[in-house]
PDB file of N, CA and C in Angstrom:
ATOM      1  N   MET A   1       0.762  -1.243  -0.028  1.00  0.00           N
ATOM      2  CA  MET A   1       0.035  -0.462   0.036  1.00  0.00           C
ATOM      3  C   MET A   1       0.899   1.090  -0.103  1.00  0.00           C
ATOM      4  N   LYS A   2       2.111   1.276   0.720  1.00  0.00           N
ATOM      5  CA  LYS A   2       3.051   2.471   0.687  1.00  0.00           C
ATOM      6  C   LYS A   2       3.359   3.036  -0.511  1.00  0.00           C
ATOM      7  N   GLU A   3       3.680   1.761  -1.221  1.00  0.00           N
ATOM      8  CA  GLU A   3       4.317   1.745  -2.821  1.00  0.00           C
ATOM      9  C   GLU A   3       2.782   2.677  -3.677  1.00  0.00           C
ATOM     10  N   ARG A   4       2.285   2.052  -3.330  1.00  0.00           N
ATOM     11  CA  ARG A   4       0.266   2.650  -4.001  1.00  0.00           C
ATOM     12  C   ARG A   4       0.434   4.449  -3.654  1.00  0.00           C
ATOM     13  N   PHE A   5       0.533   4.674  -2.634  1.00  0.00           N
ATOM     14  CA  PHE A   5       0.267   5.785  -1.941  1.00  0.00           C
ATOM     15  C   PHE A   5       1.314   6.673  -2.205  1.00  0.00           C
ATOM     16  N   GLU A   6       2.720   6.254  -2.690  1.00  0.00           N
ATOM     17  CA  GLU A   6       3.555   7.164  -2.858  1.00  0.00           C
ATOM     18  C   GLU A   6       3.558   7.354  -4.535  1.00  0.00           C
ATOM     19  N   GLU A   7       2.915   6.123  -5.338  1.00  0.00           N
ATOM     20  CA  GLU A   7       2.819   6.516  -6.779  1.00  0.00           C
ATOM     21  C   GLU A   7       1.492   7.636  -7.052  1.00  0.00           C
ATOM     22  N   LEU A   8       0.786   7.072  -5.986  1.00  0.00           N
ATOM     23  CA  LEU A   8      -0.289   8.695  -6.545  1.00  0.00           C
ATOM     24  C   LEU A   8       0.133   9.743  -6.051  1.00  0.00           C
ATOM     25  N   PHE A   9       1.148  10.080  -5.096  1.00  0.00           N
ATOM     26  CA  PHE A   9       1.566  11.470  -4.502  1.00  0.00           C
ATOM     27  C   PHE A   9       2.395  12.217  -5.809  1.00  0.00           C
ATOM     28  N   LYS A  10       2.972  11.326  -6.546  1.00  0.00           N
ATOM     29  CA  LYS A  10       4.359  11.125  -7.483  1.00  0.00           C
ATOM     30  C   LYS A  10       3.281  11.899  -8.405  1.00  0.00           C
ATOM     31  N   ILE A  11       2.427  11.199  -8.941  1.00  0.00           N
ATOM     32  CA  ILE A  11       1.110  11.668 -10.090  1.00  0.00           C
ATOM     33  C   ILE A  11       1.053  12.515  -9.951  1.00  0.00           C
ATOM     34  N   LEU A  12      -0.101  13.115  -8.609  1.00  0.00           N
ATOM     35  CA  LEU A  12      -0.255  14.207  -8.184  1.00  0.00           C
ATOM     36  C   LEU A  12       0.746  15.418  -8.440  1.00  0.00           C
ATOM     37  N   LYS A  13       2.068  15.246  -8.290  1.00  0.00           N
ATOM     38  CA  LYS A  13       3.578  16.612  -7.930  1.00  0.00           C
ATOM     39  C   LYS A  13       3.148  16.562  -9.772  1.00  0.00           C
ATOM     40  N   LEU A  14       3.280  15.354 -10.781  1.00  0.00           N
ATOM     41  CA  LEU A  14       3.574  15.568 -12.208  1.00  0.00           C
ATOM     42  C   LEU A  14       2.577  16.009 -12.504  1.00  0.00           C
ATOM     43  N   ASP A  15       1.492  15.788 -12.060  1.00  0.00           N
ATOM     44  CA  ASP A  15       0.195  16.675 -12.627  1.00  0.00           C
ATOM     45  C   ASP A  15       0.254  18.264 -12.286  1.00  0.00           C
ATOM     46  N   ARG A  16       0.577  18.429 -11.595  1.00  0.00           N
ATOM     47  CA  ARG A  16       0.479  19.834 -10.894  1.00  0.00           C
ATOM     48  C   ARG A  16       1.690  20.784 -11.325  1.00  0.00           C
ATOM     49  N   LYS A  17       2.893  19.782 -12.036  1.00  0.00           N
ATOM     50  CA  LYS A  17       4.248  20.292 -13.027  1.00  0.00           C
ATOM     51  C   LYS A  17       3.516  20.767 -14.350  1.00  0.00           C
ATOM     52  N   VAL A  18       2.829  19.680 -14.970  1.00  0.00           N
ATOM     53  CA  VAL A  18       2.587  19.979 -16.403  1.00  0.00           C
ATOM     54  C   VAL A  18       1.385  20.388 -16.932  1.00  0.00           C
ATOM     55  N   SER A  19       0.288  19.772 -16.316  1.00  0.00           N
ATOM     56  CA  SER A  19      -0.956  20.111 -16.675  1.00  0.00           C
ATOM     57  C   SER A  19      -1.342  21.726 -16.279  1.00  0.00           C
ATOM     58  N   PRO A  20      -1.887  22.630 -17.109  1.00  0.00           N
ATOM     59  CA  PRO A  20      -2.202  24.006 -17.020  1.00  0.00           C
ATOM     60  C   PRO A  20      -3.119  24.265 -15.857  1.00  0.00           C
ATOM     61  N   TRP A  21      -4.473  23.026 -16.411  1.00  0.00           N
ATOM     62  CA  TRP A  21      -5.724  23.043 -15.509  1.00  0.00           C
ATOM     63  C   TRP A  21      -5.353  23.215 -14.192  1.00  0.00           C
ATOM     64  N   SER A  22      -4.100  21.740 -13.608  1.00  0.00           N
ATOM     65  CA  SER A  22      -4.109  21.911 -12.130  1.00  0.00           C
ATOM     66  C   SER A  22      -2.659  22.808 -11.914  1.00  0.00           C
ATOM     67  N   GLN A  23      -2.158  23.475 -12.734  1.00  0.00           N
ATOM     68  CA  GLN A  23      -1.224  24.447 -12.598  1.00  0.00           C
ATOM     69  C   GLN A  23      -2.049  25.466 -12.057  1.00  0.00           C
ATOM     70  N   ARG A  24      -2.980  26.110 -12.320  1.00  0.00           N
ATOM     71  CA  ARG A  24      -3.744  27.154 -11.836  1.00  0.00           C
ATOM     72  C   ARG A  24      -4.926  26.597  -9.982  1.00  0.00           C
ATOM     73  N   ASP A  25      -4.849  25.836  -9.764  1.00  0.00           N
ATOM     74  CA  ASP A  25      -5.699  25.353  -8.893  1.00  0.00           C
ATOM     75  C   ASP A  25      -4.958  26.062  -7.691  1.00  0.00           C
ATOM     76  N   THR A  26      -6.024  26.402  -6.329  1.00  0.00           N
ATOM     77  CA  THR A  26      -5.399  26.835  -5.341  1.00  0.00           C
ATOM     78  C   THR A  26      -6.290  25.930  -4.379  1.00  0.00           C
ATOM     79  N   PHE A  27      -5.951  26.447  -3.160  1.00  0.00           N
ATOM     80  CA  PHE A  27      -6.119  25.751  -2.074  1.00  0.00           C
ATOM     81  C   PHE A  27      -7.733  25.929  -1.962  1.00  0.00           C
ATOM     82  N   GLU A  28      -8.179  27.280  -2.163  1.00  0.00           N
ATOM     83  CA  GLU A  28      -9.766  27.479  -1.902  1.00  0.00           C
ATOM     84  C   GLU A  28     -10.245  26.805  -3.370  1.00  0.00           C
ATOM     85  N   LYS A  29      -9.982  26.614  -4.572  1.00  0.00           N
ATOM     86  CA  LYS A  29     -10.800  25.690  -5.802  1.00  0.00           C
ATOM     87  C   LYS A  29     -10.845  24.138  -5.347  1.00  0.00           C
ATOM     88  N   ARG A  30      -9.567  23.661  -4.845  1.00  0.00           N
ATOM     89  CA  ARG A  30      -9.414  22.401  -4.382  1.00  0.00           C
ATOM     90  C   ARG A  30     -10.566  21.981  -3.270  1.00  0.00           C
ATOM     91  N   HIS A  31     -10.560  23.021  -2.340  1.00  0.00           N
ATOM     92  CA  HIS A  31     -11.330  22.508  -1.238  1.00  0.00           C
ATOM     93  C   HIS A  31     -13.206  22.569  -1.383  1.00  0.00           C
ATOM     94  N   SER A  32     -13.363  23.649  -2.208  1.00  0.00           N
ATOM     95  CA  SER A  32     -14.807  23.220  -3.362  1.00  0.00           C
ATOM     96  C   SER A  32     -14.589  22.095  -3.922  1.00  0.00           C
ATOM     97  N   GLU A  33     -14.050  21.566  -4.044  1.00  0.00           N
ATOM     98  CA  GLU A  33     -13.948  20.191  -5.257  1.00  0.00           C
ATOM     99  C   GLU A  33     -14.064  18.864  -3.949  1.00  0.00           C
ATOM    100  N   LEU A  34     -12.999  19.502  -3.290  1.00  0.00           N
ATOM    101  CA  LEU A  34     -13.200  18.267  -2.024  1.00  0.00           C
ATOM    102  C   LEU A  34     -14.959  18.282  -0.982  1.00  0.00           C
ATOM    103  N   VAL A  35     -15.200  19.322  -0.940  1.00  0.00           N
ATOM    104  CA  VAL A  35     -16.981  19.605  -0.450  1.00  0.00           C
ATOM    105  C   VAL A  35     -17.708  18.843  -1.398  1.00  0.00           C
ATOM    106  N   LYS A  36     -17.674  18.896  -2.966  1.00  0.00           N
ATOM    107  CA  LYS A  36     -18.616  18.333  -3.695  1.00  0.00           C
ATOM    108  C   LYS A  36     -18.286  16.611  -3.477  1.00  0.00           C
ATOM    109  N   GLU A  37     -17.074  16.341  -3.490  1.00  0.00           N
ATOM    110  CA  GLU A  37     -16.896  14.800  -3.383  1.00  0.00           C
ATOM    111  C   GLU A  37     -17.092  14.218  -1.859  1.00  0.00           C
ATOM    112  N   ILE A  38     -17.342  14.859  -0.899  1.00  0.00           N
ATOM    113  CA  ILE A  38     -17.525  14.693   0.421  1.00  0.00           C
ATOM    114  C   ILE A  38     -18.818  14.536   0.250  1.00  0.00           C
ATOM    115  N   GLU A  39     -19.751  15.152  -0.498  1.00  0.00           N
ATOM    116  CA  GLU A  39     -21.590  15.085  -0.689  1.00  0.00           C
ATOM    117  C   GLU A  39     -21.659  14.174  -1.387  1.00  0.00           C
ATOM    118  N   GLU A  40     -20.830  13.453  -2.605  1.00  0.00           N
ATOM    119  CA  GLU A  40     -20.765  12.532  -3.197  1.00  0.00           C
ATOM    120  C   GLU A  40     -20.756  11.352  -2.595  1.00  0.00           C
ATOM    121  N   ILE A  41     -20.219  11.280  -1.461  1.00  0.00           N
ATOM    122  CA  ILE A  41     -19.620  10.253  -0.701  1.00  0.00           C
ATOM    123  C   ILE A  41     -21.212   9.678   0.269  1.00  0.00           C
ATOM    124  N   LYS A  42     -21.492  11.221   0.842  1.00  0.00           N
ATOM    125  CA  LYS A  42     -22.750  11.211   1.844  1.00  0.00           C
ATOM    126  C   LYS A  42     -23.897  10.450   0.291  1.00  0.00           C
ATOM    127  N   LEU A  43     -23.764  10.684  -0.748  1.00  0.00           N
ATOM    128  CA  LEU A  43     -25.055  10.363  -1.266  1.00  0.00           C
ATOM    129  C   LEU A  43     -25.012   8.716  -1.396  1.00  0.00           C
ATOM    130  N   ALA A  44     -23.804   8.225  -1.646  1.00  0.00           N
ATOM    131  CA  ALA A  44     -23.006   7.032  -2.202  1.00  0.00           C
ATOM    132  C   ALA A  44     -23.813   6.160  -0.891  1.00  0.00           C
ATOM    133  N   ILE A  45     -23.042   6.768   0.407  1.00  0.00           N
ATOM    134  CA  ILE A  45     -23.794   6.005   1.792  1.00  0.00           C
ATOM    135  C   ILE A  45     -25.419   5.519   1.930  1.00  0.00           C
ATOM    136  N   GLN A  46     -25.867   6.598   1.227  1.00  0.00           N
ATOM    137  CA  GLN A  46     -27.653   6.758   1.431  1.00  0.00           C
ATOM    138  C   GLN A  46     -28.015   5.625   0.545  1.00  0.00           C
ATOM    139  N   ASN A  47     -27.136   5.709  -0.813  1.00  0.00           N
ATOM    140  CA  ASN A  47     -27.686   4.538  -1.698  1.00  0.00           C
ATOM    141  C   ASN A  47     -27.470   3.380  -1.366  1.00  0.00           C
ATOM    142  N   LYS A  48     -26.671   3.289  -0.502  1.00  0.00           N
ATOM    143  CA  LYS A  48     -26.051   2.172  -0.408  1.00  0.00           C
ATOM    144  C   LYS A  48     -25.435   1.021  -1.272  1.00  0.00           C
ATOM    145  N   ASP A  49     -24.861   2.183  -2.114  1.00  0.00           N
ATOM    146  CA  ASP A  49     -23.975   2.083  -3.387  1.00  0.00           C
ATOM    147  C   ASP A  49     -22.361   2.042  -3.127  1.00  0.00           C
ATOM    148  N   THR A  50     -22.152   0.784  -2.585  1.00  0.00           N
ATOM    149  CA  THR A  50     -20.443   0.596  -2.503  1.00  0.00           C
ATOM    150  C   THR A  50     -19.559   0.783  -3.843  1.00  0.00           C
ATOM    151  N   GLU A  51     -20.035   0.418  -4.730  1.00  0.00           N
ATOM    152  CA  GLU A  51     -19.147   1.079  -6.112  1.00  0.00           C
ATOM    153  C   GLU A  51     -18.912   2.094  -6.166  1.00  0.00           C
ATOM    154  N   ASN A  52     -19.641   3.244  -5.953  1.00  0.00           N
ATOM    155  CA  ASN A  52     -19.605   4.476  -5.849  1.00  0.00           C
ATOM    156  C   ASN A  52     -19.042   5.204  -4.863  1.00  0.00           C
ATOM    157  N   LEU A  53     -19.221   4.584  -4.198  1.00  0.00           N
ATOM    158  CA  LEU A  53     -18.667   4.832  -2.327  1.00  0.00           C
ATOM    159  C   LEU A  53     -16.659   4.867  -2.549  1.00  0.00           C
ATOM    160  N   LYS A  54     -16.526   3.802  -3.228  1.00  0.00           N
ATOM    161  CA  LYS A  54     -15.170   3.560  -3.577  1.00  0.00           C
ATOM    162  C   LYS A  54     -14.803   4.451  -4.134  1.00  0.00           C
ATOM    163  N   GLU A  55     -15.171   4.631  -5.549  1.00  0.00           N
ATOM    164  CA  GLU A  55     -14.897   5.796  -6.563  1.00  0.00           C
ATOM    165  C   GLU A  55     -14.972   7.003  -5.626  1.00  0.00           C
ATOM    166  N   GLU A  56     -15.681   7.678  -4.660  1.00  0.00           N
ATOM    167  CA  GLU A  56     -15.831   8.733  -4.408  1.00  0.00           C
ATOM    168  C   GLU A  56     -14.462   9.023  -3.342  1.00  0.00           C
ATOM    169  N   ILE A  57     -14.752   7.902  -2.417  1.00  0.00           N
ATOM    170  CA  ILE A  57     -13.643   7.745  -1.182  1.00  0.00           C
ATOM    171  C   ILE A  57     -12.178   8.535  -2.369  1.00  0.00           C
ATOM    172  N   GLY A  58     -11.945   7.476  -3.319  1.00  0.00           N
ATOM    173  CA  GLY A  58     -10.851   7.626  -4.089  1.00  0.00           C
ATOM    174  C   GLY A  58     -10.841   9.313  -4.615  1.00  0.00           C
ATOM    175  N   ASP A  59     -12.259   9.912  -4.834  1.00  0.00           N
ATOM    176  CA  ASP A  59     -11.759  11.298  -5.625  1.00  0.00           C
ATOM    177  C   ASP A  59     -11.342  12.168  -4.466  1.00  0.00           C
ATOM    178  N   SER A  60     -11.562  11.762  -3.294  1.00  0.00           N
ATOM    179  CA  SER A  60     -11.465  12.321  -2.342  1.00  0.00           C
ATOM    180  C   SER A  60     -10.189  12.896  -1.544  1.00  0.00           C
ATOM    181  N   LEU A  61      -9.226  11.417  -1.603  1.00  0.00           N
ATOM    182  CA  LEU A  61      -8.271  10.940  -1.312  1.00  0.00           C
ATOM    183  C   LEU A  61      -7.400  11.818  -2.028  1.00  0.00           C
ATOM    184  N   TRP A  62      -7.798  11.826  -3.806  1.00  0.00           N
ATOM    185  CA  TRP A  62      -7.243  12.620  -4.925  1.00  0.00           C
ATOM    186  C   TRP A  62      -7.121  14.324  -4.142  1.00  0.00           C
ATOM    187  N   ASP A  63      -8.160  14.750  -3.804  1.00  0.00           N
ATOM    188  CA  ASP A  63      -8.312  16.006  -3.775  1.00  0.00           C
ATOM    189  C   ASP A  63      -7.242  16.414  -2.517  1.00  0.00           C
ATOM    190  N   LEU A  64      -7.403  15.716  -0.941  1.00  0.00           N
ATOM    191  CA  LEU A  64      -6.264  15.697  -0.219  1.00  0.00           C
ATOM    192  C   LEU A  64      -5.169  15.511  -0.589  1.00  0.00           C
ATOM    193  N   MET A  65      -4.807  14.707  -1.140  1.00  0.00           N
ATOM    194  CA  MET A  65      -3.476  14.876  -1.379  1.00  0.00           C
ATOM    195  C   MET A  65      -2.984  15.537  -2.191  1.00  0.00           C
ATOM    196  N   PHE A  66      -3.868  16.298  -2.983  1.00  0.00           N
ATOM    197  CA  PHE A  66      -3.391  17.232  -3.862  1.00  0.00           C
ATOM    198  C   PHE A  66      -2.914  18.665  -3.123  1.00  0.00           C
ATOM    199  N   LEU A  67      -3.908  18.788  -2.249  1.00  0.00           N
ATOM    200  CA  LEU A  67      -3.811  20.020  -0.943  1.00  0.00           C
ATOM    201  C   LEU A  67      -2.367  19.801  -0.575  1.00  0.00           C
ATOM    202  N   MET A  68      -2.236  18.587  -0.470  1.00  0.00           N
ATOM    203  CA  MET A  68      -0.658  18.314   0.305  1.00  0.00           C
ATOM    204  C   MET A  68       0.394  18.465  -0.649  1.00  0.00           C
ATOM    205  N   VAL A  69       0.366  18.119  -2.112  1.00  0.00           N
ATOM    206  CA  VAL A  69       0.850  18.663  -3.143  1.00  0.00           C
ATOM    207  C   VAL A  69       1.211  20.362  -3.022  1.00  0.00           C
ATOM    208  N   VAL A  70       0.099  20.925  -3.074  1.00  0.00           N
ATOM    209  CA  VAL A  70       0.509  22.129  -3.152  1.00  0.00           C
ATOM    210  C   VAL A  70       0.894  22.754  -1.704  1.00  0.00           C
ATOM    211  N   ALA A  71       0.529  22.767  -0.677  1.00  0.00           N
ATOM    212  CA  ALA A  71       1.308  22.729   0.636  1.00  0.00           C
ATOM    213  C   ALA A  71       3.065  22.717   0.528  1.00  0.00           C
ATOM    214  N   GLU A  72       2.835  21.479  -0.073  1.00  0.00           N
ATOM    215  CA  GLU A  72       4.839  20.977  -0.353  1.00  0.00           C
ATOM    216  C   GLU A  72       5.484  22.161  -1.176  1.00  0.00           C
ATOM    217  N   GLU A  73       4.677  22.499  -2.268  1.00  0.00           N
ATOM    218  CA  GLU A  73       5.092  23.175  -3.328  1.00  0.00           C
ATOM    219  C   GLU A  73       5.134  24.886  -3.016  1.00  0.00           C
ATOM    220  N   LYS A  74       4.787  25.116  -1.717  1.00  0.00           N
ATOM    221  CA  LYS A  74       4.321  26.664  -1.405  1.00  0.00           C
ATOM    222  C   LYS A  74       5.326  26.512  -0.302  1.00  0.00           C
ATOM    223  N   GLU A  75       6.071  25.085  -0.021  1.00  0.00           N
ATOM    224  CA  GLU A  75       6.883  24.870   1.380  1.00  0.00           C
ATOM    225  C   GLU A  75       5.966  25.617   3.217  1.00  0.00           C
ATOM    226  N   LEU A  76       5.248  25.439   2.795  1.00  0.00           N
ATOM    227  CA  LEU A  76       4.303  25.524   3.900  1.00  0.00           C
ATOM    228  C   LEU A  76       4.442  24.387   5.367  1.00  0.00           C
ATOM    229  N   PHE A  77       3.915  23.045   4.097  1.00  0.00           N
ATOM    230  CA  PHE A  77       4.314  21.543   5.271  1.00  0.00           C
ATOM    231  C   PHE A  77       4.360  20.309   4.170  1.00  0.00           C
ATOM    232  N   THR A  78       5.096  19.741   4.684  1.00  0.00           N
ATOM    233  CA  THR A  78       5.150  18.500   3.730  1.00  0.00           C
ATOM    234  C   THR A  78       3.771  17.299   3.997  1.00  0.00           C
ATOM    235  N   ALA A  79       3.735  16.489   3.183  1.00  0.00           N
ATOM    236  CA  ALA A  79       2.639  15.497   3.069  1.00  0.00           C
ATOM    237  C   ALA A  79       3.589  14.569   4.431  1.00  0.00           C
ATOM    238  N   LYS A  80       4.338  14.340   4.567  1.00  0.00           N
ATOM    239  CA  LYS A  80       4.879  13.646   5.569  1.00  0.00           C
ATOM    240  C   LYS A  80       4.765  13.787   7.108  1.00  0.00           C
ATOM    241  N   GLU A  81       4.898  15.341   7.407  1.00  0.00           N
ATOM    242  CA  GLU A  81       4.268  16.373   8.504  1.00  0.00           C
ATOM    243  C   GLU A  81       2.506  16.069   8.555  1.00  0.00           C
ATOM    244  N   VAL A  82       1.788  15.937   7.418  1.00  0.00           N
ATOM    245  CA  VAL A  82       0.390  15.780   7.838  1.00  0.00           C
ATOM    246  C   VAL A  82       0.140  14.465   8.287  1.00  0.00           C
ATOM    247  N   ILE A  83       0.912  13.413   7.596  1.00  0.00           N
ATOM    248  CA  ILE A  83       0.658  11.771   8.204  1.00  0.00           C
ATOM    249  C   ILE A  83       1.079  11.704   9.666  1.00  0.00           C
ATOM    250  N   GLU A  84       2.075  11.942   9.582  1.00  0.00           N
ATOM    251  CA  GLU A  84       2.861  12.341  11.421  1.00  0.00           C
ATOM    252  C   GLU A  84       1.522  12.846  12.187  1.00  0.00           C
ATOM    253  N   GLY A  85       1.377  14.007  11.647  1.00  0.00           N
ATOM    254  CA  GLY A  85       0.393  14.688  12.684  1.00  0.00           C
ATOM    255  C   GLY A  85      -0.875  14.098  13.093  1.00  0.00           C
ATOM    256  N   ALA A  86      -1.287  13.109  11.673  1.00  0.00           N
ATOM    257  CA  ALA A  86      -2.632  12.344  12.086  1.00  0.00           C
ATOM    258  C   ALA A  86      -2.365  11.312  13.039  1.00  0.00           C
ATOM    259  N   ILE A  87      -1.074  10.507  12.492  1.00  0.00           N
ATOM    260  CA  ILE A  87      -0.799   9.384  13.568  1.00  0.00           C
ATOM    261  C   ILE A  87      -0.276   9.593  15.409  1.00  0.00           C
ATOM    262  N   GLU A  88       0.291  10.800  15.121  1.00  0.00           N
ATOM    263  CA  GLU A  88       0.380  11.291  16.774  1.00  0.00           C
ATOM    264  C   GLU A  88      -0.963  11.903  17.620  1.00  0.00           C
ATOM    265  N   LYS A  89      -1.949  12.421  16.631  1.00  0.00           N
ATOM    266  CA  LYS A  89      -3.242  12.922  17.144  1.00  0.00           C
ATOM    267  C   LYS A  89      -3.854  11.867  17.897  1.00  0.00           C
ATOM    268  N   ILE A  90      -3.859  10.740  16.866  1.00  0.00           N
ATOM    269  CA  ILE A  90      -4.711   9.320  17.069  1.00  0.00           C
ATOM    270  C   ILE A  90      -4.031   8.687  18.539  1.00  0.00           C
ATOM    271  N   LYS A  91      -2.494   8.908  18.604  1.00  0.00           N
ATOM    272  CA  LYS A  91      -1.951   8.023  19.396  1.00  0.00           C
ATOM    273  C   LYS A  91      -2.382   8.940  20.675  1.00  0.00           C
ATOM    274  N   ARG A  92      -2.657   9.907  20.885  1.00  0.00           N
ATOM    275  CA  ARG A  92      -3.006  11.171  21.873  1.00  0.00           C
ATOM    276  C   ARG A  92      -4.257  10.497  22.439  1.00  0.00           C
ATOM    277  N   ARG A  93      -5.519  10.897  21.455  1.00  0.00           N
ATOM    278  CA  ARG A  93      -6.840  10.784  21.516  1.00  0.00           C
ATOM    279  C   ARG A  93      -7.240   9.250  21.867  1.00  0.00           C
ATOM    280  N   LYS A  94      -6.662   7.918  21.181  1.00  0.00           N
ATOM    281  CA  LYS A  94      -7.083   6.540  21.314  1.00  0.00           C
ATOM    282  C   LYS A  94      -5.752   5.723  21.744  1.00  0.00           C
ATOM    283  N   PRO A  95      -5.180   6.203  22.739  1.00  0.00           N
ATOM    284  CA  PRO A  95      -4.205   5.570  23.629  1.00  0.00           C
ATOM    285  C   PRO A  95      -4.296   3.910  23.899  1.00  0.00           C
ATOM    286  N   TRP A  96      -5.685   3.684  23.999  1.00  0.00           N
ATOM    287  CA  TRP A  96      -6.387   2.292  24.295  1.00  0.00           C
ATOM    288  C   TRP A  96      -6.277   1.248  23.217  1.00  0.00           C
ATOM    289  N   ILE A  97      -6.458   1.921  22.041  1.00  0.00           N
ATOM    290  CA  ILE A  97      -6.050   1.063  21.143  1.00  0.00           C
ATOM    291  C   ILE A  97      -5.059   0.121  20.998  1.00  0.00           C
ATOM    292  N   PHE A  98      -3.770   0.820  21.446  1.00  0.00           N
ATOM    293  CA  PHE A  98      -2.728  -0.042  21.066  1.00  0.00           C
ATOM    294  C   PHE A  98      -2.148  -0.619  22.614  1.00  0.00           C
ATOM    295  N   THR A  99      -2.497  -0.300  23.331  1.00  0.00           N
ATOM    296  CA  THR A  99      -2.689  -1.294  24.699  1.00  0.00           C
ATOM    297  C   THR A  99      -3.736  -2.290  24.896  1.00  0.00           C
ATOM    298  N   GLY A 100      -4.355  -2.605  23.693  1.00  0.00           N
ATOM    299  CA  GLY A 100      -5.688  -3.517  24.135  1.00  0.00           C
ATOM    300  C   GLY A 100      -6.540  -3.841  25.564  1.00  0.00           C
ATOM    301  N   GLU A 101      -6.610  -2.633  25.912  1.00  0.00           N
ATOM    302  CA  GLU A 101      -7.750  -1.928  26.800  1.00  0.00           C
ATOM    303  C   GLU A 101      -8.940  -2.134  26.767  1.00  0.00           C
ATOM    304  N   LYS A 102      -9.682  -3.208  27.435  1.00  0.00           N
ATOM    305  CA  LYS A 102     -10.846  -2.874  26.855  1.00  0.00           C
ATOM    306  C   LYS A 102     -11.782  -1.844  27.666  1.00  0.00           C
ATOM    307  N   ILE A 103     -12.413  -0.555  26.723  1.00  0.00           N
ATOM    308  CA  ILE A 103     -13.414   0.282  27.314  1.00  0.00           C
ATOM    309  C   ILE A 103     -14.560   0.113  26.670  1.00  0.00           C
ATOM    310  N   THR A 104     -15.613   0.939  27.388  1.00  0.00           N
ATOM    311  CA  THR A 104     -16.965   0.985  26.323  1.00  0.00           C
ATOM    312  C   THR A 104     -16.876   1.881  25.775  1.00  0.00           C
ATOM    313  N   ILE A 105     -18.180   2.261  24.902  1.00  0.00           N
ATOM    314  CA  ILE A 105     -18.069   3.433  23.946  1.00  0.00           C
ATOM    315  C   ILE A 105     -18.169   4.644  24.618  1.00  0.00           C
ATOM    316  N   GLU A 106     -18.866   4.708  25.722  1.00  0.00           N
ATOM    317  CA  GLU A 106     -19.533   6.026  26.513  1.00  0.00           C
ATOM    318  C   GLU A 106     -17.980   6.456  27.160  1.00  0.00           C
ATOM    319  N   ASP A 107     -16.982   5.508  27.869  1.00  0.00           N
ATOM    320  CA  ASP A 107     -15.837   5.798  28.241  1.00  0.00           C
ATOM    321  C   ASP A 107     -14.608   6.780  27.438  1.00  0.00           C
ATOM    322  N   GLU A 108     -14.953   5.808  25.700  1.00  0.00           N
ATOM    323  CA  GLU A 108     -14.075   6.468  24.626  1.00  0.00           C
ATOM    324  C   GLU A 108     -14.671   7.642  24.746  1.00  0.00           C
ATOM    325  N   ALA A 109     -15.840   7.848  24.418  1.00  0.00           N
ATOM    326  CA  ALA A 109     -16.607   9.190  23.888  1.00  0.00           C
ATOM    327  C   ALA A 109     -15.610  10.243  24.884  1.00  0.00           C
ATOM    328  N   ARG A 110     -15.896  10.183  26.432  1.00  0.00           N
ATOM    329  CA  ARG A 110     -15.519  10.673  27.333  1.00  0.00           C
ATOM    330  C   ARG A 110     -13.866  10.982  27.365  1.00  0.00           C
ATOM    331  N   LEU A 111     -13.078   9.931  27.443  1.00  0.00           N
ATOM    332  CA  LEU A 111     -11.447  10.150  26.901  1.00  0.00           C
ATOM    333  C   LEU A 111     -11.259  11.022  25.880  1.00  0.00           C
ATOM    334  N   TRP A 112     -12.297  10.670  24.761  1.00  0.00           N
ATOM    335  CA  TRP A 112     -11.482  11.686  23.546  1.00  0.00           C
ATOM    336  C   TRP A 112     -11.825  13.024  23.714  1.00  0.00           C
ATOM    337  N   GLN A 113     -13.103  13.556  24.306  1.00  0.00           N
ATOM    338  CA  GLN A 113     -13.424  14.896  24.746  1.00  0.00           C
ATOM    339  C   GLN A 113     -12.267  15.083  25.672  1.00  0.00           C
ATOM    340  N   ILE A 114     -11.848  14.719  26.463  1.00  0.00           N
ATOM    341  CA  ILE A 114     -10.751  15.146  27.249  1.00  0.00           C
ATOM    342  C   ILE A 114      -9.412  15.213  26.851  1.00  0.00           C
ATOM    343  N   ALA A 115      -9.152  14.645  25.929  1.00  0.00           N
ATOM    344  CA  ALA A 115      -7.850  14.197  25.016  1.00  0.00           C
ATOM    345  C   ALA A 115      -7.824  15.820  24.484  1.00  0.00           C
ATOM    346  N   LYS A 116      -9.269  16.108  23.511  1.00  0.00           N
ATOM    347  CA  LYS A 116      -9.398  16.950  22.923  1.00  0.00           C
ATOM    348  C   LYS A 116      -9.280  18.483  23.460  1.00  0.00           C
ATOM    349  N   ALA A 117      -9.816  18.639  24.934  1.00  0.00           N
ATOM    350  CA  ALA A 117      -9.993  19.709  25.615  1.00  0.00           C
ATOM    351  C   ALA A 117      -8.400  20.118  26.560  1.00  0.00           C
ATOM    352  N   LYS A 118      -7.699  19.182  26.579  1.00  0.00           N
ATOM    353  CA  LYS A 118      -6.311  19.209  27.298  1.00  0.00           C
ATOM    354  C   LYS A 118      -5.522  19.348  25.652  1.00  0.00           C
ATOM    355  N   GLU A 119      -5.465  19.334  24.497  1.00  0.00           N
ATOM    356  CA  GLU A 119      -4.753  19.709  23.632  1.00  0.00           C
ATOM    357  C   GLU A 119      -5.211  21.034  23.713  1.00  0.00           C
ATOM    358  N   LYS A 120      -6.319  21.526  23.503  1.00  0.00           N
ATOM    359  CA  LYS A 120      -6.728  22.738  23.299  1.00  0.00           C
ATOM    360  C   LYS A 120      -6.129  23.803  24.140  1.00  0.00           C
ATOM    361  N   GLN A 121      -6.162  23.305  25.843  1.00  0.00           N
ATOM    362  CA  GLN A 121      -5.742  24.044  26.348  1.00  0.00           C
ATOM    363  C   GLN A 121      -4.109  24.275  26.320  1.00  0.00           C
ATOM    364  N   ASN A 122      -3.544  23.182  26.022  1.00  0.00           N
ATOM    365  CA  ASN A 122      -2.090  23.164  25.734  1.00  0.00           C
ATOM    366  C   ASN A 122      -1.545  24.171  24.675  1.00  0.00           C
ATOM    367  N   LYS A 123      -2.597  24.440  23.633  1.00  0.00           N
ATOM    368  CA  LYS A 123      -2.287  25.386  22.586  1.00  0.00           C
ATOM    369  C   LYS A 123      -2.168  26.826  23.154  1.00  0.00           C
ATOM    370  N   GLN A 124      -3.332  27.225  23.915  1.00  0.00           N
ATOM    371  CA  GLN A 124      -3.267  28.597  24.460  1.00  0.00           C
ATOM    372  C   GLN A 124      -2.127  29.003  25.169  1.00  0.00           C
TER     373      GLN A 124
END
């Protein structure tokens, strides 16, 4: 899977370099496309259309990864930093998934909110 993820990222970087259409893309334009794709995911779920759901998730992934390409291009942050941030966040907010500890759904919701509040407090 790692190789396929990297291949998609390289393709999107190439697309950005050679496609006049993609070169015009901005965060704002790509955001509006992502919002449309999320709505299409919602419809696929409502319609129980798994084939379309798979396609729309792929389209959303494309948009998200394209945003990372643009961010790297502008030297704002890297795709690696985005992924590392997501990994660290899930480790902070759901540490029990790594320990095998069994918790209730109520405890999970409560602990998630506590972790979020703590993160917000630490940012201030």
